[in-house]
Amino acid sequence: MVILMGFVMLIDGIVTLVEKPLLVWKPGETRTV
């Protein structure tokens, strides 16, 4: 289960890195990262 938790954290980190630039291109979408 430890590997699964680590994998989820990794995906969450990647999603955060991907969403940050998207927030710049989407002014209408307000989200706190």
C-alpha atoms as a PDB file:
ATOM      1  CA  MET A   1       0.000   0.000   0.000  1.00  0.00           C
ATOM      2  CA  VAL A   2       2.994   2.273   0.553  1.00  0.00           C
ATOM      3  CA  ILE A   3       3.849   2.051  -3.153  1.00  0.00           C
ATOM      4  CA  LEU A   4       0.276   2.964  -4.065  1.00  0.00           C
ATOM      5  CA  MET A   5       0.338   6.029  -1.805  1.00  0.00           C
ATOM      6  CA  GLY A   6       3.659   7.119  -3.304  1.00  0.00           C
ATOM      7  CA  PHE A   7       2.241   6.690  -6.805  1.00  0.00           C
ATOM      8  CA  VAL A   8      -0.801   8.811  -5.947  1.00  0.00           C
ATOM      9  CA  MET A   9       1.435  11.534  -4.504  1.00  0.00           C
ATOM     10  CA  LEU A  10       3.551  11.440  -7.673  1.00  0.00           C
ATOM     11  CA  ILE A  11       0.487  11.826  -9.899  1.00  0.00           C
ATOM     12  CA  ASP A  12      -0.804  14.647  -7.694  1.00  0.00           C
ATOM     13  CA  GLY A  13       2.533  16.443  -8.029  1.00  0.00           C
ATOM     14  CA  ILE A  14       2.517  16.072 -11.821  1.00  0.00           C
ATOM     15  CA  VAL A  15      -1.073  17.321 -12.027  1.00  0.00           C
ATOM     16  CA  THR A  16      -0.126  20.362  -9.929  1.00  0.00           C
ATOM     17  CA  LEU A  17       2.808  21.165 -12.230  1.00  0.00           C
ATOM     18  CA  VAL A  18       0.529  20.836 -15.263  1.00  0.00           C
ATOM     19  CA  GLU A  19      -2.323  22.901 -13.804  1.00  0.00           C
ATOM     20  CA  LYS A  20      -0.164  25.861 -12.741  1.00  0.00           C
ATOM     21  CA  PRO A  21       0.592  26.959 -16.345  1.00  0.00           C
ATOM     22  CA  LEU A  22      -3.032  26.254 -17.309  1.00  0.00           C
ATOM     23  CA  LEU A  23      -4.223  28.719 -14.670  1.00  0.00           C
ATOM     24  CA  VAL A  24      -2.321  31.439 -16.507  1.00  0.00           C
ATOM     25  CA  TRP A  25      -4.024  30.629 -19.802  1.00  0.00           C
ATOM     26  CA  LYS A  26      -7.471  30.296 -18.182  1.00  0.00           C
ATOM     27  CA  PRO A  27      -8.241  33.606 -16.427  1.00  0.00           C
ATOM     28  CA  GLY A  28     -11.905  32.655 -15.986  1.00  0.00           C
ATOM     29  CA  GLU A  29     -10.948  29.646 -13.906  1.00  0.00           C
ATOM     30  CA  THR A  30      -9.919  30.554 -10.377  1.00  0.00           C
ATOM     31  CA  ARG A  31      -8.325  27.731  -8.394  1.00  0.00           C
ATOM     32  CA  THR A  32      -5.964  27.826  -5.418  1.00  0.00           C
ATOM     33  CA  VAL A  33      -3.113  25.365  -5.781  1.00  0.00           C
END
